[in-house]
Amino acid sequence: MAATDAAKITIMKGYEEGYTAATFALHDETHTIGNALRWMLMKNPKVEFCGYSAPHPSEPVIHLRIQMYDNASAITALTDALENLDQLAIAVNDQYRTSLRRGAFERFEEE
């Protein structure tokens, strides 16, 4: 698949039948999302392998490889990981804002 203006994630050539193993290209992304998704995907017991790479430092694309156990779908695993990562970010943001409202943080004064 070629990337289009609307395609944020594309499936690269070489995927397995049923998408039990696939490499995804995440366009306009960096190591930040690559490493976070790899971490979230590896928490899934159906994921056999997950790794990512940045093909070239000047290209804003991340390649994410997912291989599954038991004929499970890498697409489903990626979708679940994205949703879980989104929920985690919401929870962290909520806790941060609660802490700010309570004033439950240390302040360092400059001399």
Protein backbone atom coordinates (compact mmCIF):
# COMPACT_ATOMS: atom_id res chain seq x y z
CA MET A 1 0.00 0.00 0.00
CA ALA A 2 1.20 3.45 -0.75
CA ALA A 3 0.77 6.24 1.76
CA THR A 4 -1.88 8.79 0.87
CA ASP A 5 -2.84 12.03 2.56
CA ALA A 6 -5.40 10.13 4.66
CA ALA A 7 -3.27 7.05 5.41
CA LYS A 8 -1.53 7.39 8.77
CA ILE A 9 -0.80 3.66 9.00
CA THR A 10 -0.19 1.36 6.05
CA ILE A 11 0.51 -2.36 5.85
CA MET A 12 3.77 -3.12 4.08
CA LYS A 13 4.38 -5.95 1.61
CA GLY A 14 5.21 -9.37 3.04
CA TYR A 15 2.37 -9.84 5.52
CA GLU A 16 1.21 -13.35 6.36
CA GLU A 17 -2.20 -14.72 5.41
CA GLY A 18 -4.78 -13.62 7.96
CA TYR A 19 -2.37 -10.88 9.06
CA THR A 20 -0.86 -13.18 11.69
CA ALA A 21 2.43 -11.37 10.99
CA ALA A 22 2.66 -7.95 9.40
CA THR A 23 4.84 -4.87 9.21
CA PHE A 24 3.10 -1.53 9.48
CA ALA A 25 4.43 1.86 8.40
CA LEU A 26 3.42 4.65 10.79
CA HIS A 27 3.75 7.88 8.83
CA ASP A 28 4.82 11.20 10.37
CA GLU A 29 5.90 9.47 13.60
CA THR A 30 9.10 9.01 15.62
CA HIS A 31 10.66 6.67 18.16
CA THR A 32 8.30 8.08 20.80
CA ILE A 33 5.24 6.28 19.43
CA GLY A 34 7.28 3.34 18.14
CA ASN A 35 8.68 2.46 21.54
CA ALA A 36 5.39 3.12 23.36
CA LEU A 37 3.47 0.86 20.95
CA ARG A 38 6.12 -1.85 21.16
CA TRP A 39 5.84 -1.77 24.97
CA MET A 40 2.03 -1.92 24.87
CA LEU A 41 1.98 -4.69 22.27
CA MET A 42 4.41 -6.85 24.24
CA LYS A 43 1.99 -6.77 27.18
CA ASN A 44 -0.47 -8.72 24.99
CA PRO A 45 0.06 -12.49 25.57
CA LYS A 46 -1.04 -13.23 21.98
CA VAL A 47 1.91 -11.24 20.57
CA GLU A 48 4.89 -13.48 19.81
CA PHE A 49 7.19 -10.69 18.61
CA CYS A 50 7.06 -6.94 18.21
CA GLY A 51 9.82 -4.60 17.14
CA TYR A 52 10.12 -1.26 15.45
CA SER A 53 12.69 0.67 13.48
CA ALA A 54 13.18 4.07 11.96
CA PRO A 55 14.46 3.32 8.44
CA HIS A 56 16.28 6.63 8.13
CA PRO A 57 16.73 9.58 10.53
CA SER A 58 15.49 12.10 7.95
CA GLU A 59 12.27 10.15 7.21
CA PRO A 60 9.37 10.69 9.64
CA VAL A 61 8.22 7.06 9.46
CA ILE A 62 8.38 4.11 11.84
CA HIS A 63 8.18 0.46 10.76
CA LEU A 64 6.41 -1.72 13.33
CA ARG A 65 6.61 -5.52 12.98
CA ILE A 66 4.04 -7.66 14.83
CA GLN A 67 3.95 -11.49 14.86
CA MET A 68 1.12 -13.29 16.61
CA TYR A 69 0.52 -16.68 18.24
CA ASP A 70 -2.47 -18.91 17.42
CA ASN A 71 -3.42 -17.26 14.12
CA ALA A 72 -4.46 -14.06 15.90
CA SER A 73 -4.59 -10.85 13.87
CA ALA A 74 -1.75 -8.32 14.07
CA ILE A 75 -4.25 -5.66 12.95
CA THR A 76 -6.46 -6.37 15.96
CA ALA A 77 -3.42 -6.34 18.26
CA LEU A 78 -2.31 -2.97 16.87
CA THR A 79 -5.80 -1.50 17.18
CA ASP A 80 -6.06 -2.73 20.78
CA ALA A 81 -2.60 -1.37 21.62
CA LEU A 82 -3.47 2.04 20.19
CA GLU A 83 -6.68 2.14 22.24
CA ASN A 84 -4.88 1.01 25.41
CA LEU A 85 -2.15 3.60 24.89
CA ASP A 86 -4.80 6.28 24.41
CA GLN A 87 -6.54 5.23 27.65
CA LEU A 88 -3.20 5.25 29.48
CA ALA A 89 -2.47 8.79 28.26
CA ILE A 90 -5.93 9.92 29.42
CA ALA A 91 -5.40 8.37 32.87
CA VAL A 92 -1.96 9.99 33.28
CA ASN A 93 -3.33 13.36 32.16
CA ASP A 94 -6.25 13.08 34.61
CA GLN A 95 -3.93 12.25 37.51
CA TYR A 96 -1.58 15.09 36.55
CA ARG A 97 -4.42 17.63 36.47
CA THR A 98 -5.78 16.33 39.81
CA SER A 99 -2.32 16.72 41.35
CA LEU A 100 -2.08 20.29 40.02
CA ARG A 101 -5.49 21.21 41.46
CA ARG A 102 -4.54 19.82 44.87
CA GLY A 103 -1.17 21.52 44.82
CA ALA A 104 0.33 18.10 45.62
CA PHE A 105 3.71 18.71 44.10
CA GLU A 106 7.09 20.11 45.09
CA ARG A 107 8.04 23.63 44.16
CA PHE A 108 11.61 24.65 43.66
CA GLU A 109 12.38 28.30 44.16
CA GLU A 110 15.19 29.94 42.27
CA GLU A 111 17.66 31.84 44.39
